[in-house]
Protein backbone atom coordinates (compact mmCIF):
# COMPACT_ATOMS: atom_id res chain seq x y z
CA MET A 1 -37.88 -62.72 -72.77
CA ALA A 2 -38.61 -60.55 -69.52
CA GLU A 3 -35.61 -58.41 -68.22
CA ALA A 4 -35.29 -57.69 -64.43
CA GLN A 5 -36.24 -54.23 -63.57
CA ASN A 6 -36.62 -51.94 -60.37
CA ASN A 7 -39.19 -53.43 -58.26
CA ASP A 8 -39.49 -56.45 -59.29
CA THR A 9 -38.85 -59.46 -56.80
CA VAL A 10 -35.98 -62.08 -58.44
CA ARG A 11 -34.28 -65.24 -57.48
CA VAL A 12 -31.01 -65.51 -57.97
CA HIS A 13 -28.15 -68.14 -57.41
CA TYR A 14 -25.03 -66.16 -56.35
CA THR A 15 -21.10 -66.81 -55.61
CA GLY A 16 -19.32 -64.16 -54.08
CA ARG A 17 -15.49 -63.96 -53.91
CA LEU A 18 -12.91 -61.55 -53.00
CA THR A 19 -10.57 -60.34 -55.86
CA ASP A 20 -7.96 -62.84 -54.65
CA GLY A 21 -10.39 -65.37 -55.35
CA THR A 22 -11.39 -66.01 -52.09
CA VAL A 23 -15.47 -67.25 -52.16
CA PHE A 24 -17.10 -65.39 -49.08
CA ASP A 25 -20.76 -66.42 -49.52
CA SER A 26 -22.89 -68.30 -52.34
CA SER A 27 -26.01 -69.70 -52.93
CA ALA A 28 -24.73 -73.28 -53.72
CA GLY A 29 -26.89 -76.15 -52.44
CA ARG A 30 -29.39 -73.72 -51.00
CA GLU A 31 -32.72 -71.91 -52.69
CA PRO A 32 -31.93 -68.79 -54.75
CA LEU A 33 -31.81 -65.97 -52.91
CA GLU A 34 -35.19 -63.52 -53.41
CA PHE A 35 -35.18 -60.25 -52.98
CA THR A 36 -37.07 -57.09 -54.60
CA ILE A 37 -34.62 -54.64 -56.73
CA GLY A 38 -34.68 -51.22 -55.14
CA GLY A 39 -35.69 -52.69 -51.71
CA GLU A 40 -32.25 -51.73 -50.43
CA THR A 41 -31.95 -56.06 -48.68
CA VAL A 42 -29.03 -56.33 -50.70
CA ILE A 43 -25.84 -54.51 -51.84
CA PRO A 44 -26.65 -51.90 -54.22
CA GLY A 45 -23.93 -52.98 -56.66
CA PHE A 46 -25.51 -56.50 -56.67
CA GLU A 47 -29.19 -54.85 -57.04
CA ARG A 48 -27.84 -52.83 -60.28
CA ALA A 49 -25.85 -55.87 -61.46
CA VAL A 50 -29.16 -58.03 -61.76
CA VAL A 51 -31.34 -55.21 -63.54
CA GLY A 52 -31.28 -56.08 -67.60
CA MET A 53 -30.77 -59.69 -67.10
CA SER A 54 -33.32 -62.09 -68.16
CA PRO A 55 -34.70 -65.55 -66.44
CA GLY A 56 -31.71 -68.05 -67.36
CA GLU A 57 -28.91 -65.52 -67.88
CA LYS A 58 -25.60 -65.33 -65.95
CA LYS A 59 -22.58 -62.92 -65.59
CA THR A 60 -20.16 -61.87 -63.69
CA GLU A 61 -19.99 -58.39 -61.88
CA THR A 62 -17.07 -56.66 -60.16
CA ILE A 63 -18.65 -54.61 -57.70
CA ALA A 64 -16.57 -51.56 -56.44
CA ALA A 65 -15.97 -51.22 -52.17
CA GLU A 66 -18.30 -48.09 -52.55
CA ASP A 67 -21.37 -50.05 -54.19
CA ALA A 68 -21.10 -53.03 -51.79
CA TYR A 69 -20.41 -52.41 -48.13
CA GLY A 70 -18.49 -49.28 -48.26
CA PRO A 71 -15.17 -47.75 -47.25
CA PHE A 72 -12.96 -49.08 -44.69
CA ILE A 73 -13.50 -46.32 -41.83
CA GLU A 74 -11.00 -46.07 -39.30
CA GLU A 75 -12.44 -44.12 -36.61
CA LEU A 76 -14.28 -47.43 -36.60
CA VAL A 77 -11.80 -49.08 -34.80
CA ARG A 78 -11.40 -48.52 -30.99
CA GLU A 79 -9.74 -49.28 -27.84
CA VAL A 80 -12.00 -49.72 -25.34
CA ASP A 81 -11.63 -51.24 -21.36
CA ARG A 82 -11.85 -54.59 -20.74
CA SER A 83 -14.25 -54.09 -17.99
CA GLU A 84 -16.83 -52.90 -21.08
CA PHE A 85 -17.39 -56.98 -21.59
CA PRO A 86 -18.96 -59.77 -19.60
CA GLU A 87 -16.60 -60.94 -16.70
CA ASP A 88 -16.93 -64.60 -18.63
CA ALA A 89 -16.63 -63.52 -21.88
CA VAL A 90 -14.40 -65.11 -24.09
CA VAL A 91 -12.57 -61.90 -25.97
CA GLU A 92 -9.81 -62.86 -28.48
CA PRO A 93 -9.48 -62.00 -31.50
CA GLY A 94 -12.01 -63.00 -34.46
CA GLN A 95 -14.74 -63.10 -31.43
CA ARG A 96 -17.50 -61.11 -32.35
CA PHE A 97 -19.90 -59.00 -29.78
CA GLN A 98 -22.92 -56.59 -30.42
CA ALA A 99 -23.04 -53.79 -28.69
CA ASN A 100 -25.68 -50.60 -28.28
CA ALA A 101 -24.79 -47.85 -29.96
CA GLY A 102 -27.22 -44.89 -29.49
CA GLY A 103 -30.42 -47.36 -30.14
CA ALA A 104 -28.98 -49.41 -33.05
CA VAL A 105 -27.16 -52.49 -32.48
CA VAL A 106 -23.89 -52.93 -33.43
CA VAL A 107 -21.41 -55.73 -34.41
CA LEU A 108 -18.03 -55.46 -33.07
CA THR A 109 -15.07 -57.89 -34.25
CA VAL A 110 -12.36 -58.10 -31.94
CA ILE A 111 -9.12 -57.58 -33.57
CA GLU A 112 -6.85 -57.37 -29.98
CA ALA A 113 -7.31 -58.01 -26.92
CA ASP A 114 -5.05 -58.07 -23.53
CA GLU A 115 -6.39 -57.84 -19.44
CA LYS A 116 -7.04 -54.52 -19.62
CA LEU A 117 -7.65 -53.35 -22.98
CA VAL A 118 -9.32 -54.48 -26.10
CA THR A 119 -9.57 -53.24 -29.85
CA VAL A 120 -12.80 -53.46 -31.80
CA ASP A 121 -13.85 -52.88 -35.28
CA ALA A 122 -17.50 -51.88 -36.26
CA ASN A 123 -17.09 -51.99 -39.66
CA HIS A 124 -18.79 -54.42 -41.50
CA PRO A 125 -15.92 -57.38 -42.38
CA LEU A 126 -16.41 -56.63 -46.10
CA ALA A 127 -15.94 -52.97 -46.06
CA GLY A 128 -13.00 -51.36 -48.23
CA LYS A 129 -13.16 -54.43 -50.19
CA ASP A 130 -14.34 -55.02 -54.19
CA LEU A 131 -16.65 -57.98 -54.60
CA GLU A 132 -16.59 -60.52 -57.86
CA PHE A 133 -20.11 -62.01 -57.95
CA ASP A 134 -21.44 -64.81 -60.59
CA ILE A 135 -25.28 -64.19 -60.70
CA GLU A 136 -27.61 -66.55 -62.44
CA LEU A 137 -31.02 -65.05 -62.40
CA VAL A 138 -33.24 -67.72 -62.21
CA GLU A 139 -36.57 -66.58 -62.21
CA ILE A 140 -38.88 -63.10 -62.03
CA VAL A 141 -41.70 -63.97 -59.54
């Protein structure tokens, strides 16, 4: 039976959990996720987990933060002046905004806010976290 290899396009069903069991994403009830191994469209640890799997095979894989969304970087948490936000914007913890940083679009999550200062975090929400995935290789396309 064929095994998934680098440059293969594959379709997988998955459920992603934090190590405490909290599910953060799943393909349940949706079409399988399709990607090309080595195409860098999914996190590196997920790609490596699929290599060597055969269609119909299932596995659970723990992926270290370094092979997922990277480490949490304190320097990406900053205070900015409230005036940097649109006047009519609702700025409260949990809100997400896009900002332009040297031509790149960066997503910022509000951590704290008052009338003068807003603390934002530019880390990916899953940065610094080890992740667990249940993976089923549906097919090699």
